[in-house]
Amino acid sequence: MARSGTAIGTVIRWDDDAGVGLVEAPGLPEGCRVDASVVRHSTGAGGLRPGQVVEVTWRDTPDDDGGGVRAVAVRPREDLQTGIGG
């Protein structure tokens, strides 16, 4: 059975050219892979940036090609941005 949930995390890596990245958050079993197609900005569009705080809805995908934890929705949390990259 696949696990899923929602967590507040931090963007660790983001590749604008490929439109993919990695988010880490407490409670996630591992780093969460993110595709640009699941990023939901409140205004406009665009990718993410390292250090940015996001809310990630994730799903553990053990049966998918490559497996692991993948984001099904990511929303930048501008109200929680702090420090460098925030």
PDB file of N, CA and C in Angstrom:
ATOM      1  N   MET A   1       0.845  -1.178   0.000  1.00  0.00           N
ATOM      2  CA  MET A   1       0.000   0.000   0.000  1.00  0.00           C
ATOM      3  C   MET A   1       0.891   1.241   0.000  1.00  0.00           C
ATOM      4  N   ALA A   2       0.574   2.170  -0.869  1.00  0.00           N
ATOM      5  CA  ALA A   2       1.351   3.409  -0.971  1.00  0.00           C
ATOM      6  C   ALA A   2       0.995   4.349   0.173  1.00  0.00           C
ATOM      7  N   ARG A   3       2.019   4.977   0.733  1.00  0.00           N
ATOM      8  CA  ARG A   3       1.801   5.986   1.763  1.00  0.00           C
ATOM      9  C   ARG A   3       1.702   7.344   1.089  1.00  0.00           C
ATOM     10  N   SER A   4       1.051   8.294   1.773  1.00  0.00           N
ATOM     11  CA  SER A   4       0.947   9.655   1.248  1.00  0.00           C
ATOM     12  C   SER A   4       0.739  10.605   2.411  1.00  0.00           C
ATOM     13  N   GLY A   5       0.885  11.892   2.133  1.00  0.00           N
ATOM     14  CA  GLY A   5       0.684  12.887   3.172  1.00  0.00           C
ATOM     15  C   GLY A   5       1.019  14.282   2.685  1.00  0.00           C
ATOM     16  N   THR A   6       0.995  15.206   3.608  1.00  0.00           N
ATOM     17  CA  THR A   6       1.333  16.601   3.334  1.00  0.00           C
ATOM     18  C   THR A   6       2.330  17.056   4.387  1.00  0.00           C
ATOM     19  N   ALA A   7       3.333  17.818   3.957  1.00  0.00           N
ATOM     20  CA  ALA A   7       4.365  18.293   4.876  1.00  0.00           C
ATOM     21  C   ALA A   7       4.869  19.657   4.434  1.00  0.00           C
ATOM     22  N   ILE A   8       5.439  20.389   5.376  1.00  0.00           N
ATOM     23  CA  ILE A   8       6.134  21.637   5.065  1.00  0.00           C
ATOM     24  C   ILE A   8       7.602  21.277   4.943  1.00  0.00           C
ATOM     25  N   GLY A   9       8.218  21.654   3.820  1.00  0.00           N
ATOM     26  CA  GLY A   9       9.609  21.295   3.582  1.00  0.00           C
ATOM     27  C   GLY A   9      10.387  22.403   2.909  1.00  0.00           C
ATOM     28  N   THR A  10      11.603  22.056   2.519  1.00  0.00           N
ATOM     29  CA  THR A  10      12.522  23.008   1.892  1.00  0.00           C
ATOM     30  C   THR A  10      13.009  22.446   0.571  1.00  0.00           C
ATOM     31  N   VAL A  11      13.047  23.305  -0.438  1.00  0.00           N
ATOM     32  CA  VAL A  11      13.584  22.906  -1.736  1.00  0.00           C
ATOM     33  C   VAL A  11      15.101  22.770  -1.592  1.00  0.00           C
ATOM     34  N   ILE A  12      15.623  21.598  -1.875  1.00  0.00           N
ATOM     35  CA  ILE A  12      17.050  21.326  -1.770  1.00  0.00           C
ATOM     36  C   ILE A  12      17.735  21.565  -3.110  1.00  0.00           C
ATOM     37  N   ARG A  13      17.101  21.114  -4.176  1.00  0.00           N
ATOM     38  CA  ARG A  13      17.636  21.303  -5.532  1.00  0.00           C
ATOM     39  C   ARG A  13      16.502  21.663  -6.469  1.00  0.00           C
ATOM     40  N   TRP A  14      16.828  22.497  -7.475  1.00  0.00           N
ATOM     41  CA  TRP A  14      15.858  22.798  -8.529  1.00  0.00           C
ATOM     42  C   TRP A  14      16.611  23.048  -9.819  1.00  0.00           C
ATOM     43  N   ASP A  15      16.191  22.392 -10.896  1.00  0.00           N
ATOM     44  CA  ASP A  15      16.787  22.545 -12.219  1.00  0.00           C
ATOM     45  C   ASP A  15      15.739  23.186 -13.121  1.00  0.00           C
ATOM     46  N   ASP A  16      15.905  24.488 -13.404  1.00  0.00           N
ATOM     47  CA  ASP A  16      14.944  25.201 -14.245  1.00  0.00           C
ATOM     48  C   ASP A  16      14.839  24.592 -15.636  1.00  0.00           C
ATOM     49  N   ASP A  17      15.956  24.199 -16.208  1.00  0.00           N
ATOM     50  CA  ASP A  17      15.947  23.651 -17.570  1.00  0.00           C
ATOM     51  C   ASP A  17      15.149  22.356 -17.661  1.00  0.00           C
ATOM     52  N   ALA A  18      15.328  21.470 -16.694  1.00  0.00           N
ATOM     53  CA  ALA A  18      14.622  20.185 -16.698  1.00  0.00           C
ATOM     54  C   ALA A  18      13.253  20.276 -16.029  1.00  0.00           C
ATOM     55  N   GLY A  19      13.038  21.317 -15.218  1.00  0.00           N
ATOM     56  CA  GLY A  19      11.770  21.468 -14.503  1.00  0.00           C
ATOM     57  C   GLY A  19      11.556  20.414 -13.432  1.00  0.00           C
ATOM     58  N   VAL A  20      12.640  20.045 -12.753  1.00  0.00           N
ATOM     59  CA  VAL A  20      12.556  19.036 -11.696  1.00  0.00           C
ATOM     60  C   VAL A  20      13.383  19.463 -10.495  1.00  0.00           C
ATOM     61  N   GLY A  21      13.055  18.905  -9.343  1.00  0.00           N
ATOM     62  CA  GLY A  21      13.808  19.245  -8.137  1.00  0.00           C
ATOM     63  C   GLY A  21      13.586  18.239  -7.034  1.00  0.00           C
ATOM     64  N   LEU A  22      14.080  18.602  -5.858  1.00  0.00           N
ATOM     65  CA  LEU A  22      14.010  17.744  -4.689  1.00  0.00           C
ATOM     66  C   LEU A  22      13.632  18.578  -3.475  1.00  0.00           C
ATOM     67  N   VAL A  23      12.665  18.088  -2.700  1.00  0.00           N
ATOM     68  CA  VAL A  23      12.232  18.732  -1.464  1.00  0.00           C
ATOM     69  C   VAL A  23      12.490  17.769  -0.319  1.00  0.00           C
ATOM     70  N   GLU A  24      13.005  18.284   0.796  1.00  0.00           N
ATOM     71  CA  GLU A  24      13.159  17.501   2.016  1.00  0.00           C
ATOM     72  C   GLU A  24      12.267  18.106   3.084  1.00  0.00           C
ATOM     73  N   ALA A  25      11.677  17.223   3.910  1.00  0.00           N
ATOM     74  CA  ALA A  25      10.798  17.675   4.981  1.00  0.00           C
ATOM     75  C   ALA A  25      10.807  16.664   6.114  1.00  0.00           C
ATOM     76  N   PRO A  26      10.650  17.145   7.357  1.00  0.00           N
ATOM     77  CA  PRO A  26      10.524  16.215   8.478  1.00  0.00           C
ATOM     78  C   PRO A  26       9.319  15.298   8.233  1.00  0.00           C
ATOM     79  N   GLY A  27       9.478  14.046   8.532  1.00  0.00           N
ATOM     80  CA  GLY A  27       8.375  13.106   8.362  1.00  0.00           C
ATOM     81  C   GLY A  27       8.345  12.402   7.022  1.00  0.00           C
ATOM     82  N   LEU A  28       9.066  12.919   6.039  1.00  0.00           N
ATOM     83  CA  LEU A  28       9.133  12.222   4.751  1.00  0.00           C
ATOM     84  C   LEU A  28      10.134  11.080   4.871  1.00  0.00           C
ATOM     85  N   PRO A  29       9.830   9.931   4.301  1.00  0.00           N
ATOM     86  CA  PRO A  29      10.747   8.804   4.409  1.00  0.00           C
ATOM     87  C   PRO A  29      12.060   9.019   3.655  1.00  0.00           C
ATOM     88  N   GLU A  30      12.080   9.927   2.703  1.00  0.00           N
ATOM     89  CA  GLU A  30      13.279  10.277   1.934  1.00  0.00           C
ATOM     90  C   GLU A  30      13.004  11.576   1.196  1.00  0.00           C
ATOM     91  N   GLY A  31      13.969  12.058   0.416  1.00  0.00           N
ATOM     92  CA  GLY A  31      13.752  13.257  -0.379  1.00  0.00           C
ATOM     93  C   GLY A  31      12.604  13.057  -1.354  1.00  0.00           C
ATOM     94  N   CYS A  32      11.844  14.090  -1.586  1.00  0.00           N
ATOM     95  CA  CYS A  32      10.659  14.026  -2.439  1.00  0.00           C
ATOM     96  C   CYS A  32      10.956  14.653  -3.794  1.00  0.00           C
ATOM     97  N   ARG A  33      10.814  13.860  -4.845  1.00  0.00           N
ATOM     98  CA  ARG A  33      11.034  14.367  -6.200  1.00  0.00           C
ATOM     99  C   ARG A  33       9.850  15.218  -6.643  1.00  0.00           C
ATOM    100  N   VAL A  34      10.169  16.355  -7.287  1.00  0.00           N
ATOM    101  CA  VAL A  34       9.150  17.316  -7.713  1.00  0.00           C
ATOM    102  C   VAL A  34       9.292  17.584  -9.196  1.00  0.00           C
ATOM    103  N   ASP A  35       8.174  17.582  -9.909  1.00  0.00           N
ATOM    104  CA  ASP A  35       8.125  17.965 -11.311  1.00  0.00           C
ATOM    105  C   ASP A  35       7.409  19.313 -11.399  1.00  0.00           C
ATOM    106  N   ALA A  36       7.853  20.166 -12.306  1.00  0.00           N
ATOM    107  CA  ALA A  36       7.266  21.510 -12.443  1.00  0.00           C
ATOM    108  C   ALA A  36       5.759  21.470 -12.673  1.00  0.00           C
ATOM    109  N   SER A  37       5.250  20.393 -13.245  1.00  0.00           N
ATOM    110  CA  SER A  37       3.819  20.305 -13.547  1.00  0.00           C
ATOM    111  C   SER A  37       2.939  20.270 -12.302  1.00  0.00           C
ATOM    112  N   VAL A  38       3.512  19.974 -11.131  1.00  0.00           N
ATOM    113  CA  VAL A  38       2.710  19.910  -9.902  1.00  0.00           C
ATOM    114  C   VAL A  38       2.878  21.141  -9.013  1.00  0.00           C
ATOM    115  N   VAL A  39       3.694  22.109  -9.445  1.00  0.00           N
ATOM    116  CA  VAL A  39       3.921  23.328  -8.659  1.00  0.00           C
ATOM    117  C   VAL A  39       2.748  24.276  -8.871  1.00  0.00           C
ATOM    118  N   ARG A  40       2.146  24.719  -7.776  1.00  0.00           N
ATOM    119  CA  ARG A  40       0.983  25.610  -7.819  1.00  0.00           C
ATOM    120  C   ARG A  40       1.330  26.929  -7.161  1.00  0.00           C
ATOM    121  N   HIS A  41       1.589  27.958  -7.975  1.00  0.00           N
ATOM    122  CA  HIS A  41       1.874  29.289  -7.446  1.00  0.00           C
ATOM    123  C   HIS A  41       0.564  30.042  -7.256  1.00  0.00           C
ATOM    124  N   SER A  42       0.509  30.888  -6.238  1.00  0.00           N
ATOM    125  CA  SER A  42      -0.709  31.663  -6.002  1.00  0.00           C
ATOM    126  C   SER A  42      -0.863  32.759  -7.052  1.00  0.00           C
ATOM    127  N   THR A  43       0.241  33.269  -7.553  1.00  0.00           N
ATOM    128  CA  THR A  43       0.198  34.262  -8.627  1.00  0.00           C
ATOM    129  C   THR A  43       1.254  33.912  -9.652  1.00  0.00           C
ATOM    130  N   GLY A  44       0.881  33.907 -10.902  1.00  0.00           N
ATOM    131  CA  GLY A  44       1.845  33.632 -11.959  1.00  0.00           C
ATOM    132  C   GLY A  44       2.278  32.180 -12.000  1.00  0.00           C
ATOM    133  N   ALA A  45       3.387  31.960 -12.669  1.00  0.00           N
ATOM    134  CA  ALA A  45       3.922  30.617 -12.835  1.00  0.00           C
ATOM    135  C   ALA A  45       5.412  30.649 -12.563  1.00  0.00           C
ATOM    136  N   GLY A  46       6.034  29.537 -12.743  1.00  0.00           N
ATOM    137  CA  GLY A  46       7.468  29.466 -12.566  1.00  0.00           C
ATOM    138  C   GLY A  46       7.869  28.271 -11.741  1.00  0.00           C
ATOM    139  N   GLY A  47       9.169  28.113 -11.604  1.00  0.00           N
ATOM    140  CA  GLY A  47       9.696  26.993 -10.855  1.00  0.00           C
ATOM    141  C   GLY A  47       9.882  27.329  -9.397  1.00  0.00           C
ATOM    142  N   LEU A  48      10.784  26.621  -8.805  1.00  0.00           N
ATOM    143  CA  LEU A  48      11.118  26.817  -7.402  1.00  0.00           C
ATOM    144  C   LEU A  48      12.572  27.234  -7.309  1.00  0.00           C
ATOM    145  N   ARG A  49      13.048  27.489  -6.090  1.00  0.00           N
ATOM    146  CA  ARG A  49      14.453  27.838  -5.907  1.00  0.00           C
ATOM    147  C   ARG A  49      14.972  27.170  -4.637  1.00  0.00           C
ATOM    148  N   PRO A  50      16.222  26.766  -4.617  1.00  0.00           N
ATOM    149  CA  PRO A  50      16.790  26.158  -3.415  1.00  0.00           C
ATOM    150  C   PRO A  50      16.612  27.075  -2.210  1.00  0.00           C
ATOM    151  N   GLY A  51      16.244  26.484  -1.087  1.00  0.00           N
ATOM    152  CA  GLY A  51      16.024  27.236   0.140  1.00  0.00           C
ATOM    153  C   GLY A  51      14.589  27.684   0.331  1.00  0.00           C
ATOM    154  N   GLN A  52      13.778  27.573  -0.706  1.00  0.00           N
ATOM    155  CA  GLN A  52      12.393  28.015  -0.619  1.00  0.00           C
ATOM    156  C   GLN A  52      11.576  27.037   0.239  1.00  0.00           C
ATOM    157  N   VAL A  53      10.690  27.585   1.082  1.00  0.00           N
ATOM    158  CA  VAL A  53       9.805  26.774   1.908  1.00  0.00           C
ATOM    159  C   VAL A  53       8.529  26.487   1.117  1.00  0.00           C
ATOM    160  N   VAL A  54       8.129  25.217   1.110  1.00  0.00           N
ATOM    161  CA  VAL A  54       6.955  24.809   0.341  1.00  0.00           C
ATOM    162  C   VAL A  54       6.093  23.852   1.156  1.00  0.00           C
ATOM    163  N   GLU A  55       4.830  23.778   0.794  1.00  0.00           N
ATOM    164  CA  GLU A  55       3.944  22.741   1.300  1.00  0.00           C
ATOM    165  C   GLU A  55       3.868  21.686   0.204  1.00  0.00           C
ATOM    166  N   VAL A  56       4.214  20.462   0.538  1.00  0.00           N
ATOM    167  CA  VAL A  56       4.248  19.395  -0.460  1.00  0.00           C
ATOM    168  C   VAL A  56       3.262  18.296  -0.089  1.00  0.00           C
ATOM    169  N   THR A  57       2.417  17.956  -1.024  1.00  0.00           N
ATOM    170  CA  THR A  57       1.561  16.787  -0.901  1.00  0.00           C
ATOM    171  C   THR A  57       2.263  15.689  -1.679  1.00  0.00           C
ATOM    172  N   TRP A  58       2.553  14.568  -1.007  1.00  0.00           N
ATOM    173  CA  TRP A  58       3.417  13.555  -1.588  1.00  0.00           C
ATOM    174  C   TRP A  58       2.756  12.179  -1.573  1.00  0.00           C
ATOM    175  N   ARG A  59       3.371  11.302  -2.359  1.00  0.00           N
ATOM    176  CA  ARG A  59       2.912   9.918  -2.447  1.00  0.00           C
ATOM    177  C   ARG A  59       4.139   9.036  -2.580  1.00  0.00           C
ATOM    178  N   ASP A  60       4.188   7.974  -1.824  1.00  0.00           N
ATOM    179  CA  ASP A  60       5.241   6.971  -1.938  1.00  0.00           C
ATOM    180  C   ASP A  60       4.863   6.078  -3.119  1.00  0.00           C
ATOM    181  N   THR A  61       5.764   5.944  -4.076  1.00  0.00           N
ATOM    182  CA  THR A  61       5.438   5.236  -5.315  1.00  0.00           C
ATOM    183  C   THR A  61       6.332   4.019  -5.518  1.00  0.00           C
ATOM    184  N   PRO A  62       6.229   3.008  -4.651  1.00  0.00           N
ATOM    185  CA  PRO A  62       7.128   1.867  -4.746  1.00  0.00           C
ATOM    186  C   PRO A  62       6.978   1.058  -6.023  1.00  0.00           C
ATOM    187  N   ASP A  63       5.817   1.111  -6.662  1.00  0.00           N
ATOM    188  CA  ASP A  63       5.597   0.316  -7.864  1.00  0.00           C
ATOM    189  C   ASP A  63       5.874   1.067  -9.149  1.00  0.00           C
ATOM    190  N   ASP A  64       5.998   2.387  -9.084  1.00  0.00           N
ATOM    191  CA  ASP A  64       6.287   3.183 -10.280  1.00  0.00           C
ATOM    192  C   ASP A  64       7.732   2.975 -10.711  1.00  0.00           C
ATOM    193  N   ASP A  65       8.018   3.268 -11.947  1.00  0.00           N
ATOM    194  CA  ASP A  65       9.385   3.170 -12.456  1.00  0.00           C
ATOM    195  C   ASP A  65      10.294   4.069 -11.635  1.00  0.00           C
ATOM    196  N   GLY A  66      11.264   3.500 -10.971  1.00  0.00           N
ATOM    197  CA  GLY A  66      12.179   4.284 -10.152  1.00  0.00           C
ATOM    198  C   GLY A  66      11.764   4.369  -8.702  1.00  0.00           C
ATOM    199  N   GLY A  67      10.476   4.194  -8.414  1.00  0.00           N
ATOM    200  CA  GLY A  67      10.006   4.217  -7.030  1.00  0.00           C
ATOM    201  C   GLY A  67      10.336   5.515  -6.318  1.00  0.00           C
ATOM    202  N   GLY A  68      10.184   5.498  -4.999  1.00  0.00           N
ATOM    203  CA  GLY A  68      10.517   6.659  -4.188  1.00  0.00           C
ATOM    204  C   GLY A  68       9.323   7.538  -3.888  1.00  0.00           C
ATOM    205  N   VAL A  69       9.618   8.689  -3.302  1.00  0.00           N
ATOM    206  CA  VAL A  69       8.589   9.641  -2.912  1.00  0.00           C
ATOM    207  C   VAL A  69       8.491  10.722  -3.978  1.00  0.00           C
ATOM    208  N   ARG A  70       7.276  10.958  -4.444  1.00  0.00           N
ATOM    209  CA  ARG A  70       7.041  11.972  -5.477  1.00  0.00           C
ATOM    210  C   ARG A  70       5.959  12.941  -5.034  1.00  0.00           C
ATOM    211  N   ALA A  71       6.122  14.184  -5.430  1.00  0.00           N
ATOM    212  CA  ALA A  71       5.131  15.215  -5.118  1.00  0.00           C
ATOM    213  C   ALA A  71       3.948  15.092  -6.072  1.00  0.00           C
ATOM    214  N   VAL A  72       2.752  15.246  -5.531  1.00  0.00           N
ATOM    215  CA  VAL A  72       1.561  15.331  -6.370  1.00  0.00           C
ATOM    216  C   VAL A  72       1.053  16.768  -6.422  1.00  0.00           C
ATOM    217  N   ALA A  73       1.498  17.602  -5.472  1.00  0.00           N
ATOM    218  CA  ALA A  73       1.201  19.035  -5.474  1.00  0.00           C
ATOM    219  C   ALA A  73       2.231  19.740  -4.593  1.00  0.00           C
ATOM    220  N   VAL A  74       2.698  20.893  -5.059  1.00  0.00           N
ATOM    221  CA  VAL A  74       3.642  21.704  -4.294  1.00  0.00           C
ATOM    222  C   VAL A  74       3.165  23.148  -4.349  1.00  0.00           C
ATOM    223  N   ARG A  75       3.079  23.760  -3.171  1.00  0.00           N
ATOM    224  CA  ARG A  75       2.649  25.156  -3.094  1.00  0.00           C
ATOM    225  C   ARG A  75       3.683  25.942  -2.304  1.00  0.00           C
ATOM    226  N   PRO A  76       4.326  26.936  -2.940  1.00  0.00           N
ATOM    227  CA  PRO A  76       5.257  27.788  -2.195  1.00  0.00           C
ATOM    228  C   PRO A  76       4.531  28.470  -1.040  1.00  0.00           C
ATOM    229  N   ARG A  77       5.183  28.527   0.109  1.00  0.00           N
ATOM    230  CA  ARG A  77       4.626  29.162   1.306  1.00  0.00           C
ATOM    231  C   ARG A  77       5.363  30.466   1.546  1.00  0.00           C
ATOM    232  N   GLU A  78       4.936  31.503   0.865  1.00  0.00           N
ATOM    233  CA  GLU A  78       5.585  32.818   0.998  1.00  0.00           C
ATOM    234  C   GLU A  78       5.491  33.342   2.421  1.00  0.00           C
ATOM    235  N   ASP A  79       4.474  32.915   3.171  1.00  0.00           N
ATOM    236  CA  ASP A  79       4.319  33.366   4.551  1.00  0.00           C
ATOM    237  C   ASP A  79       5.359  32.737   5.482  1.00  0.00           C
ATOM    238  N   LEU A  80       6.081  31.732   5.014  1.00  0.00           N
ATOM    239  CA  LEU A  80       7.078  31.062   5.859  1.00  0.00           C
ATOM    240  C   LEU A  80       8.513  31.267   5.366  1.00  0.00           C
ATOM    241  N   GLN A  81       8.731  32.122   4.377  1.00  0.00           N
ATOM    242  CA  GLN A  81      10.063  32.332   3.826  1.00  0.00           C
ATOM    243  C   GLN A  81      10.934  33.103   4.815  1.00  0.00           C
ATOM    244  N   THR A  82      12.147  32.594   5.022  1.00  0.00           N
ATOM    245  CA  THR A  82      13.104  33.283   5.886  1.00  0.00           C
ATOM    246  C   THR A  82      14.514  33.036   5.395  1.00  0.00           C
ATOM    247  N   GLY A  83      15.400  33.917   5.715  1.00  0.00           N
ATOM    248  CA  GLY A  83      16.826  33.711   5.454  1.00  0.00           C
ATOM    249  C   GLY A  83      17.197  33.684   3.994  1.00  0.00           C
ATOM    250  N   ILE A  84      18.375  33.179   3.731  1.00  0.00           N
ATOM    251  CA  ILE A  84      18.915  33.104   2.375  1.00  0.00           C
ATOM    252  C   ILE A  84      18.012  32.233   1.527  1.00  0.00           C
ATOM    253  N   GLY A  85      17.682  32.714   0.336  1.00  0.00           N
ATOM    254  CA  GLY A  85      16.815  31.965  -0.568  1.00  0.00           C
ATOM    255  C   GLY A  85      15.348  32.116  -0.245  1.00  0.00           C
ATOM    256  N   GLY A  86      15.009  32.815   0.825  1.00  0.00           N
ATOM    257  CA  GLY A  86      13.612  32.928   1.235  1.00  0.00           C
ATOM    258  C   GLY A  86      12.981  34.213   0.872  1.00  0.00           C
TER     259      GLY A  86
END
